[in-house]
PDB file of all heavy atoms in Angstrom:
ATOM      1  N   PRO A   1       0.856  -1.240   0.046  1.00  0.00           N
ATOM      2  CA  PRO A   1       0.002  -0.023  -0.008  1.00  0.00           C
ATOM      3  C   PRO A   1       0.850   1.257  -0.035  1.00  0.00           C
ATOM      4  O   PRO A   1       2.048   1.276   0.377  1.00  0.00           O
ATOM      5  CB  PRO A   1      -0.756  -0.081   1.331  1.00  0.00           C
ATOM      6  CG  PRO A   1       0.105  -0.880   2.264  1.00  0.00           C
ATOM      7  CD  PRO A   1       0.938  -1.819   1.323  1.00  0.00           C
ATOM      8  N   ALA A   2       0.220   2.368  -0.488  1.00  0.00           N
ATOM      9  CA  ALA A   2       0.865   3.688  -0.284  1.00  0.00           C
ATOM     10  C   ALA A   2       0.845   3.992   1.211  1.00  0.00           C
ATOM     11  O   ALA A   2      -0.111   3.536   1.940  1.00  0.00           O
ATOM     12  CB  ALA A   2       0.127   4.740  -1.040  1.00  0.00           C
ATOM     13  N   ARG A   3       1.802   4.709   1.710  1.00  0.00           N
ATOM     14  CA  ARG A   3       1.885   5.039   3.124  1.00  0.00           C
ATOM     15  C   ARG A   3       1.853   6.520   3.356  1.00  0.00           C
ATOM     16  O   ARG A   3       2.634   7.207   2.668  1.00  0.00           O
ATOM     17  CB  ARG A   3       3.191   4.528   3.767  1.00  0.00           C
ATOM     18  CG  ARG A   3       3.309   2.995   3.696  1.00  0.00           C
ATOM     19  CD  ARG A   3       2.481   2.244   4.645  1.00  0.00           C
ATOM     20  NE  ARG A   3       2.824   0.878   4.920  1.00  0.00           N
ATOM     21  CZ  ARG A   3       1.982  -0.008   5.518  1.00  0.00           C
ATOM     22  NH1 ARG A   3       0.836   0.381   5.993  1.00  0.00           N
ATOM     23  NH2 ARG A   3       2.422  -1.249   5.645  1.00  0.00           N
ATOM     24  N   ILE A   4       1.038   6.978   4.239  1.00  0.00           N
ATOM     25  CA  ILE A   4       1.092   8.428   4.693  1.00  0.00           C
ATOM     26  C   ILE A   4       2.157   8.488   5.755  1.00  0.00           C
ATOM     27  O   ILE A   4       2.121   7.765   6.743  1.00  0.00           O
ATOM     28  CB  ILE A   4      -0.293   8.848   5.256  1.00  0.00           C
ATOM     29  CG1 ILE A   4      -1.407   8.668   4.192  1.00  0.00           C
ATOM     30  CG2 ILE A   4      -0.244  10.271   5.747  1.00  0.00           C
ATOM     31  CD1 ILE A   4      -2.736   8.877   4.751  1.00  0.00           C
ATOM     32  N   THR A   5       3.118   9.362   5.576  1.00  0.00           N
ATOM     33  CA  THR A   5       4.197   9.524   6.536  1.00  0.00           C
ATOM     34  C   THR A   5       4.107  10.828   7.314  1.00  0.00           C
ATOM     35  O   THR A   5       4.863  10.920   8.347  1.00  0.00           O
ATOM     36  CB  THR A   5       5.549   9.520   5.789  1.00  0.00           C
ATOM     37  OG1 THR A   5       5.632  10.653   4.913  1.00  0.00           O
ATOM     38  CG2 THR A   5       5.738   8.187   5.025  1.00  0.00           C
ATOM     39  N   TYR A   6       3.239  11.760   6.931  1.00  0.00           N
ATOM     40  CA  TYR A   6       3.231  13.026   7.574  1.00  0.00           C
ATOM     41  C   TYR A   6       1.837  13.709   7.338  1.00  0.00           C
ATOM     42  O   TYR A   6       1.216  13.565   6.286  1.00  0.00           O
ATOM     43  CB  TYR A   6       4.296  13.979   6.890  1.00  0.00           C
ATOM     44  CG  TYR A   6       4.272  15.442   7.322  1.00  0.00           C
ATOM     45  CD1 TYR A   6       5.082  15.827   8.385  1.00  0.00           C
ATOM     46  CD2 TYR A   6       3.617  16.368   6.624  1.00  0.00           C
ATOM     47  CE1 TYR A   6       5.093  17.146   8.743  1.00  0.00           C
ATOM     48  CE2 TYR A   6       3.608  17.719   6.929  1.00  0.00           C
ATOM     49  CZ  TYR A   6       4.434  18.085   8.058  1.00  0.00           C
ATOM     50  OH  TYR A   6       4.416  19.396   8.335  1.00  0.00           O
ATOM     51  N   LEU A   7       1.360  14.381   8.341  1.00  0.00           N
ATOM     52  CA  LEU A   7       0.169  15.168   8.294  1.00  0.00           C
ATOM     53  C   LEU A   7       0.338  16.510   9.006  1.00  0.00           C
ATOM     54  O   LEU A   7       0.835  16.526  10.143  1.00  0.00           O
ATOM     55  CB  LEU A   7      -1.000  14.369   8.983  1.00  0.00           C
ATOM     56  CG  LEU A   7      -2.310  15.094   9.175  1.00  0.00           C
ATOM     57  CD1 LEU A   7      -3.043  15.350   7.824  1.00  0.00           C
ATOM     58  CD2 LEU A   7      -3.194  14.425  10.102  1.00  0.00           C
ATOM     59  N   LYS A   8      -0.088  17.572   8.339  1.00  0.00           N
ATOM     60  CA  LYS A   8      -0.110  18.863   8.933  1.00  0.00           C
ATOM     61  C   LYS A   8      -1.502  19.489   8.735  1.00  0.00           C
ATOM     62  O   LYS A   8      -1.949  19.478   7.536  1.00  0.00           O
ATOM     63  CB  LYS A   8       0.983  19.794   8.377  1.00  0.00           C
ATOM     64  CG  LYS A   8       0.969  21.171   9.050  1.00  0.00           C
ATOM     65  CD  LYS A   8       2.133  22.028   8.538  1.00  0.00           C
ATOM     66  CE  LYS A   8       2.097  23.396   9.273  1.00  0.00           C
ATOM     67  NZ  LYS A   8       3.264  24.245   8.742  1.00  0.00           N
ATOM     68  N   VAL A   9      -2.144  19.959   9.756  1.00  0.00           N
ATOM     69  CA  VAL A   9      -3.458  20.541   9.698  1.00  0.00           C
ATOM     70  C   VAL A   9      -3.450  21.968  10.312  1.00  0.00           C
ATOM     71  O   VAL A   9      -2.813  22.114  11.482  1.00  0.00           O
ATOM     72  CB  VAL A   9      -4.454  19.749  10.428  1.00  0.00           C
ATOM     73  CG1 VAL A   9      -5.888  20.237  10.220  1.00  0.00           C
ATOM     74  CG2 VAL A   9      -4.389  18.223   9.928  1.00  0.00           C
ATOM     75  N   CYS A  10      -4.024  22.943   9.631  1.00  0.00           N
ATOM     76  CA  CYS A  10      -4.044  24.295  10.194  1.00  0.00           C
ATOM     77  C   CYS A  10      -5.488  24.792  10.097  1.00  0.00           C
ATOM     78  O   CYS A  10      -6.185  24.598   9.060  1.00  0.00           O
ATOM     79  CB  CYS A  10      -3.127  25.215   9.396  1.00  0.00           C
ATOM     80  SG  CYS A  10      -1.392  24.855   9.555  1.00  0.00           S
ATOM     81  N   ASN A  11      -5.958  25.384  11.154  1.00  0.00           N
ATOM     82  CA  ASN A  11      -7.274  26.030  11.223  1.00  0.00           C
ATOM     83  C   ASN A  11      -8.448  25.124  10.931  1.00  0.00           C
ATOM     84  O   ASN A  11      -9.403  25.503  10.320  1.00  0.00           O
ATOM     85  CB  ASN A  11      -7.307  27.213  10.279  1.00  0.00           C
ATOM     86  CG  ASN A  11      -6.403  28.373  10.703  1.00  0.00           C
ATOM     87  OD1 ASN A  11      -6.229  28.651  11.864  1.00  0.00           O
ATOM     88  ND2 ASN A  11      -5.782  29.060   9.795  1.00  0.00           N
ATOM     89  N   PHE A  12      -8.257  23.910  11.503  1.00  0.00           N
ATOM     90  CA  PHE A  12      -9.452  22.944  11.431  1.00  0.00           C
ATOM     91  C   PHE A  12      -9.928  22.705  12.864  1.00  0.00           C
ATOM     92  O   PHE A  12      -9.284  22.028  13.604  1.00  0.00           O
ATOM     93  CB  PHE A  12      -8.932  21.674  10.793  1.00  0.00           C
ATOM     94  CG  PHE A  12     -10.093  20.631  10.421  1.00  0.00           C
ATOM     95  CD1 PHE A  12     -10.365  20.409   9.081  1.00  0.00           C
ATOM     96  CD2 PHE A  12     -10.745  19.906  11.411  1.00  0.00           C
ATOM     97  CE1 PHE A  12     -11.369  19.503   8.777  1.00  0.00           C
ATOM     98  CE2 PHE A  12     -11.697  19.061  11.050  1.00  0.00           C
ATOM     99  CZ  PHE A  12     -12.069  18.835   9.709  1.00  0.00           C
ATOM    100  N   ARG A  13     -10.975  23.402  13.244  1.00  0.00           N
ATOM    101  CA  ARG A  13     -11.487  23.384  14.583  1.00  0.00           C
ATOM    102  C   ARG A  13     -10.365  23.652  15.633  1.00  0.00           C
ATOM    103  O   ARG A  13      -9.698  24.680  15.531  1.00  0.00           O
ATOM    104  CB  ARG A  13     -12.191  22.111  14.804  1.00  0.00           C
ATOM    105  CG  ARG A  13     -13.439  21.839  13.995  1.00  0.00           C
ATOM    106  CD  ARG A  13     -14.431  20.828  14.523  1.00  0.00           C
ATOM    107  NE  ARG A  13     -15.495  20.575  13.589  1.00  0.00           N
ATOM    108  CZ  ARG A  13     -15.709  19.453  12.909  1.00  0.00           C
ATOM    109  NH1 ARG A  13     -14.851  18.461  13.040  1.00  0.00           N
ATOM    110  NH2 ARG A  13     -16.706  19.388  12.055  1.00  0.00           N
ATOM    111  N   ALA A  14     -10.151  22.700  16.549  1.00  0.00           N
ATOM    112  CA  ALA A  14      -9.107  22.993  17.578  1.00  0.00           C
ATOM    113  C   ALA A  14      -7.677  22.753  17.053  1.00  0.00           C
ATOM    114  O   ALA A  14      -6.733  22.979  17.797  1.00  0.00           O
ATOM    115  CB  ALA A  14      -9.373  22.118  18.785  1.00  0.00           C
ATOM    116  N   LEU A  15      -7.578  22.288  15.870  1.00  0.00           N
ATOM    117  CA  LEU A  15      -6.231  21.986  15.291  1.00  0.00           C
ATOM    118  C   LEU A  15      -5.712  23.299  14.570  1.00  0.00           C
ATOM    119  O   LEU A  15      -5.745  23.415  13.345  1.00  0.00           O
ATOM    120  CB  LEU A  15      -6.311  20.864  14.265  1.00  0.00           C
ATOM    121  CG  LEU A  15      -7.010  19.629  14.742  1.00  0.00           C
ATOM    122  CD1 LEU A  15      -7.031  18.521  13.595  1.00  0.00           C
ATOM    123  CD2 LEU A  15      -6.434  18.981  16.053  1.00  0.00           C
ATOM    124  N   ARG A  16      -5.273  24.268  15.402  1.00  0.00           N
ATOM    125  CA  ARG A  16      -4.825  25.434  14.865  1.00  0.00           C
ATOM    126  C   ARG A  16      -3.534  25.309  14.015  1.00  0.00           C
ATOM    127  O   ARG A  16      -3.382  25.806  12.947  1.00  0.00           O
ATOM    128  CB  ARG A  16      -4.469  26.486  16.023  1.00  0.00           C
ATOM    129  CG  ARG A  16      -4.096  27.844  15.541  1.00  0.00           C
ATOM    130  CD  ARG A  16      -3.793  28.798  16.665  1.00  0.00           C
ATOM    131  NE  ARG A  16      -3.651  30.149  16.212  1.00  0.00           N
ATOM    132  CZ  ARG A  16      -3.414  31.169  17.031  1.00  0.00           C
ATOM    133  NH1 ARG A  16      -3.339  31.009  18.385  1.00  0.00           N
ATOM    134  NH2 ARG A  16      -3.227  32.379  16.571  1.00  0.00           N
ATOM    135  N   GLU A  17      -2.617  24.399  14.554  1.00  0.00           N
ATOM    136  CA  GLU A  17      -1.522  24.051  13.796  1.00  0.00           C
ATOM    137  C   GLU A  17      -0.883  22.766  14.437  1.00  0.00           C
ATOM    138  O   GLU A  17      -0.251  22.810  15.443  1.00  0.00           O
ATOM    139  CB  GLU A  17      -0.385  25.140  13.748  1.00  0.00           C
ATOM    140  CG  GLU A  17       0.784  24.724  12.860  1.00  0.00           C
ATOM    141  CD  GLU A  17       1.819  25.854  12.723  1.00  0.00           C
ATOM    142  OE1 GLU A  17       1.575  27.034  13.224  1.00  0.00           O
ATOM    143  OE2 GLU A  17       2.887  25.552  12.121  1.00  0.00           O
ATOM    144  N   VAL A  18      -1.227  21.645  13.793  1.00  0.00           N
ATOM    145  CA  VAL A  18      -0.868  20.318  14.340  1.00  0.00           C
ATOM    146  C   VAL A  18      -0.047  19.585  13.254  1.00  0.00           C
ATOM    147  O   VAL A  18      -0.498  19.482  12.094  1.00  0.00           O
ATOM    148  CB  VAL A  18      -2.039  19.565  14.825  1.00  0.00           C
ATOM    149  CG1 VAL A  18      -1.670  18.108  15.077  1.00  0.00           C
ATOM    150  CG2 VAL A  18      -2.676  20.168  16.087  1.00  0.00           C
ATOM    151  N   GLU A  19       1.086  19.039  13.579  1.00  0.00           N
ATOM    152  CA  GLU A  19       1.892  18.221  12.748  1.00  0.00           C
ATOM    153  C   GLU A  19       2.035  16.795  13.337  1.00  0.00           C
ATOM    154  O   GLU A  19       2.362  16.685  14.545  1.00  0.00           O
ATOM    155  CB  GLU A  19       3.251  18.798  12.518  1.00  0.00           C
ATOM    156  CG  GLU A  19       3.380  20.033  11.657  1.00  0.00           C
ATOM    157  CD  GLU A  19       4.747  20.490  11.415  1.00  0.00           C
ATOM    158  OE1 GLU A  19       5.278  21.276  12.220  1.00  0.00           O
ATOM    159  OE2 GLU A  19       5.355  19.997  10.417  1.00  0.00           O
ATOM    160  N   LEU A  20       1.856  15.843  12.548  1.00  0.00           N
ATOM    161  CA  LEU A  20       2.084  14.406  12.919  1.00  0.00           C
ATOM    162  C   LEU A  20       3.187  13.944  11.923  1.00  0.00           C
ATOM    163  O   LEU A  20       2.832  13.589  10.796  1.00  0.00           O
ATOM    164  CB  LEU A  20       0.815  13.622  12.816  1.00  0.00           C
ATOM    165  CG  LEU A  20      -0.344  13.983  13.723  1.00  0.00           C
ATOM    166  CD1 LEU A  20      -1.578  13.001  13.510  1.00  0.00           C
ATOM    167  CD2 LEU A  20       0.045  14.078  15.176  1.00  0.00           C
ATOM    168  N   ALA A  21       4.395  13.959  12.346  1.00  0.00           N
ATOM    169  CA  ALA A  21       5.498  13.509  11.493  1.00  0.00           C
ATOM    170  C   ALA A  21       5.868  12.047  11.766  1.00  0.00           C
ATOM    171  O   ALA A  21       5.583  11.537  12.913  1.00  0.00           O
ATOM    172  CB  ALA A  21       6.710  14.377  11.702  1.00  0.00           C
ATOM    173  N   ASP A  22       6.525  11.431  10.840  1.00  0.00           N
ATOM    174  CA  ASP A  22       7.025  10.093  10.949  1.00  0.00           C
ATOM    175  C   ASP A  22       5.843   9.118  11.433  1.00  0.00           C
ATOM    176  O   ASP A  22       6.050   8.380  12.356  1.00  0.00           O
ATOM    177  CB  ASP A  22       8.148  10.019  11.963  1.00  0.00           C
ATOM    178  CG  ASP A  22       9.357  10.849  11.515  1.00  0.00           C
ATOM    179  OD1 ASP A  22       9.642  10.857  10.334  1.00  0.00           O
ATOM    180  OD2 ASP A  22       9.919  11.581  12.409  1.00  0.00           O
ATOM    181  N   LEU A  23       4.755   9.256  10.740  1.00  0.00           N
ATOM    182  CA  LEU A  23       3.664   8.342  11.015  1.00  0.00           C
ATOM    183  C   LEU A  23       3.935   6.915  10.821  1.00  0.00           C
ATOM    184  O   LEU A  23       4.579   6.551   9.846  1.00  0.00           O
ATOM    185  CB  LEU A  23       2.393   8.696  10.249  1.00  0.00           C
ATOM    186  CG  LEU A  23       1.716  10.064  10.528  1.00  0.00           C
ATOM    187  CD1 LEU A  23       0.698  10.366   9.508  1.00  0.00           C
ATOM    188  CD2 LEU A  23       1.083   9.964  11.924  1.00  0.00           C
ATOM    189  N   THR A  24       3.587   6.089  11.777  1.00  0.00           N
ATOM    190  CA  THR A  24       3.831   4.611  11.726  1.00  0.00           C
ATOM    191  C   THR A  24       2.652   3.960  10.957  1.00  0.00           C
ATOM    192  O   THR A  24       1.532   4.549  10.949  1.00  0.00           O
ATOM    193  CB  THR A  24       3.996   4.068  13.124  1.00  0.00           C
ATOM    194  OG1 THR A  24       2.903   4.569  13.942  1.00  0.00           O
ATOM    195  CG2 THR A  24       5.317   4.448  13.777  1.00  0.00           C
ATOM    196  N   PRO A  25       2.849   2.737  10.474  1.00  0.00           N
ATOM    197  CA  PRO A  25       1.659   2.087   9.779  1.00  0.00           C
ATOM    198  C   PRO A  25       0.463   1.939  10.691  1.00  0.00           C
ATOM    199  O   PRO A  25      -0.638   2.039  10.214  1.00  0.00           O
ATOM    200  CB  PRO A  25       2.314   0.708   9.442  1.00  0.00           C
ATOM    201  CG  PRO A  25       3.747   0.945   9.276  1.00  0.00           C
ATOM    202  CD  PRO A  25       4.063   1.998  10.319  1.00  0.00           C
ATOM    203  N   LEU A  26       0.653   1.758  12.005  1.00  0.00           N
ATOM    204  CA  LEU A  26      -0.337   1.815  13.021  1.00  0.00           C
ATOM    205  C   LEU A  26      -0.119   3.078  13.855  1.00  0.00           C
ATOM    206  O   LEU A  26       0.856   3.089  14.581  1.00  0.00           O
ATOM    207  CB  LEU A  26      -0.386   0.533  13.840  1.00  0.00           C
ATOM    208  CG  LEU A  26      -1.355   0.576  15.057  1.00  0.00           C
ATOM    209  CD1 LEU A  26      -2.801   0.781  14.660  1.00  0.00           C
ATOM    210  CD2 LEU A  26      -1.273  -0.718  15.901  1.00  0.00           C
ATOM    211  N   THR A  27      -1.078   4.023  13.816  1.00  0.00           N
ATOM    212  CA  THR A  27      -0.952   5.185  14.624  1.00  0.00           C
ATOM    213  C   THR A  27      -2.147   5.272  15.555  1.00  0.00           C
ATOM    214  O   THR A  27      -3.286   5.220  15.078  1.00  0.00           O
ATOM    215  CB  THR A  27      -0.812   6.488  13.787  1.00  0.00           C
ATOM    216  OG1 THR A  27       0.333   6.405  12.990  1.00  0.00           O
ATOM    217  CG2 THR A  27      -0.746   7.652  14.666  1.00  0.00           C
ATOM    218  N   VAL A  28      -1.901   5.435  16.857  1.00  0.00           N
ATOM    219  CA  VAL A  28      -3.046   5.525  17.805  1.00  0.00           C
ATOM    220  C   VAL A  28      -3.040   6.785  18.550  1.00  0.00           C
ATOM    221  O   VAL A  28      -1.993   7.225  19.012  1.00  0.00           O
ATOM    222  CB  VAL A  28      -2.925   4.318  18.828  1.00  0.00           C
ATOM    223  CG1 VAL A  28      -4.046   4.389  19.856  1.00  0.00           C
ATOM    224  CG2 VAL A  28      -2.990   2.960  18.132  1.00  0.00           C
ATOM    225  N   LEU A  29      -4.168   7.459  18.617  1.00  0.00           N
ATOM    226  CA  LEU A  29      -4.322   8.816  19.266  1.00  0.00           C
ATOM    227  C   LEU A  29      -4.876   8.554  20.607  1.00  0.00           C
ATOM    228  O   LEU A  29      -5.989   7.939  20.825  1.00  0.00           O
ATOM    229  CB  LEU A  29      -5.184   9.694  18.418  1.00  0.00           C
ATOM    230  CG  LEU A  29      -4.841   9.865  16.926  1.00  0.00           C
ATOM    231  CD1 LEU A  29      -5.776  10.801  16.298  1.00  0.00           C
ATOM    232  CD2 LEU A  29      -3.388  10.350  16.872  1.00  0.00           C
ATOM    233  N   LEU A  30      -4.243   9.160  21.591  1.00  0.00           N
ATOM    234  CA  LEU A  30      -4.633   9.015  23.027  1.00  0.00           C
ATOM    235  C   LEU A  30      -4.802  10.423  23.655  1.00  0.00           C
ATOM    236  O   LEU A  30      -3.980  11.303  23.353  1.00  0.00           O
ATOM    237  CB  LEU A  30      -3.521   8.200  23.794  1.00  0.00           C
ATOM    238  CG  LEU A  30      -3.694   8.129  25.355  1.00  0.00           C
ATOM    239  CD1 LEU A  30      -4.825   7.296  25.713  1.00  0.00           C
ATOM    240  CD2 LEU A  30      -2.368   7.632  25.924  1.00  0.00           C
ATOM    241  N   GLY A  31      -5.720  10.597  24.545  1.00  0.00           N
ATOM    242  CA  GLY A  31      -5.860  11.893  25.170  1.00  0.00           C
ATOM    243  C   GLY A  31      -7.246  12.012  25.867  1.00  0.00           C
ATOM    244  O   GLY A  31      -8.137  11.190  25.638  1.00  0.00           O
ATOM    245  N   PRO A  32      -7.400  13.062  26.678  1.00  0.00           N
ATOM    246  CA  PRO A  32      -8.676  13.311  27.322  1.00  0.00           C
ATOM    247  C   PRO A  32      -9.791  13.587  26.313  1.00  0.00           C
ATOM    248  O   PRO A  32      -9.576  13.804  25.158  1.00  0.00           O
ATOM    249  CB  PRO A  32      -8.413  14.531  28.141  1.00  0.00           C
ATOM    250  CG  PRO A  32      -6.919  14.729  28.253  1.00  0.00           C
ATOM    251  CD  PRO A  32      -6.406  14.108  26.970  1.00  0.00           C
ATOM    252  N   ASN A  33     -11.040  13.472  26.792  1.00  0.00           N
ATOM    253  CA  ASN A  33     -12.175  13.909  25.952  1.00  0.00           C
ATOM    254  C   ASN A  33     -11.970  15.356  25.576  1.00  0.00           C
ATOM    255  O   ASN A  33     -11.554  16.262  26.364  1.00  0.00           O
ATOM    256  CB  ASN A  33     -13.467  13.773  26.760  1.00  0.00           C
ATOM    257  CG  ASN A  33     -13.825  12.382  27.069  1.00  0.00           C
ATOM    258  OD1 ASN A  33     -13.722  11.920  28.238  1.00  0.00           O
ATOM    259  ND2 ASN A  33     -14.165  11.563  26.114  1.00  0.00           N
ATOM    260  N   GLY A  34     -12.268  15.657  24.336  1.00  0.00           N
ATOM    261  CA  GLY A  34     -12.107  16.995  23.809  1.00  0.00           C
ATOM    262  C   GLY A  34     -10.710  17.525  23.523  1.00  0.00           C
ATOM    263  O   GLY A  34     -10.493  18.643  23.222  1.00  0.00           O
ATOM    264  N   SER A  35      -9.811  16.543  23.518  1.00  0.00           N
ATOM    265  CA  SER A  35      -8.389  16.941  23.206  1.00  0.00           C
ATOM    266  C   SER A  35      -8.103  17.068  21.713  1.00  0.00           C
ATOM    267  O   SER A  35      -7.000  17.655  21.395  1.00  0.00           O
ATOM    268  CB  SER A  35      -7.417  15.937  23.850  1.00  0.00           C
ATOM    269  OG  SER A  35      -7.679  14.637  23.284  1.00  0.00           O
ATOM    270  N   GLY A  36      -8.950  16.555  20.897  1.00  0.00           N
ATOM    271  CA  GLY A  36      -8.741  16.700  19.426  1.00  0.00           C
ATOM    272  C   GLY A  36      -8.605  15.392  18.687  1.00  0.00           C
ATOM    273  O   GLY A  36      -8.330  15.410  17.469  1.00  0.00           O
ATOM    274  N   LYS A  37      -8.698  14.268  19.385  1.00  0.00           N
ATOM    275  CA  LYS A  37      -8.511  12.977  18.721  1.00  0.00           C
ATOM    276  C   LYS A  37      -9.573  12.794  17.590  1.00  0.00           C
ATOM    277  O   LYS A  37      -9.248  12.451  16.440  1.00  0.00           O
ATOM    278  CB  LYS A  37      -8.721  11.770  19.712  1.00  0.00           C
ATOM    279  CG  LYS A  37      -7.731  11.873  20.847  1.00  0.00           C
ATOM    280  CD  LYS A  37      -7.873  10.638  21.784  1.00  0.00           C
ATOM    281  CE  LYS A  37      -9.296  10.498  22.342  1.00  0.00           C
ATOM    282  NZ  LYS A  37      -9.680  11.625  23.171  1.00  0.00           N
ATOM    283  N   SER A  38     -10.851  13.015  17.915  1.00  0.00           N
ATOM    284  CA  SER A  38     -11.861  12.802  16.887  1.00  0.00           C
ATOM    285  C   SER A  38     -11.777  13.845  15.773  1.00  0.00           C
ATOM    286  O   SER A  38     -12.191  13.626  14.701  1.00  0.00           O
ATOM    287  CB  SER A  38     -13.267  12.926  17.591  1.00  0.00           C
ATOM    288  OG  SER A  38     -13.471  11.827  18.481  1.00  0.00           O
TER     289      SER A  38
END
């Protein structure tokens, strides 16, 4: 498969400027309710 290795999001709801670099084939998001996972 093609692989996503990097994601940058700006001005998307609470994601004012978020970078996820060096993404692994399995990436899991953890955090409190309302932290931005969804």
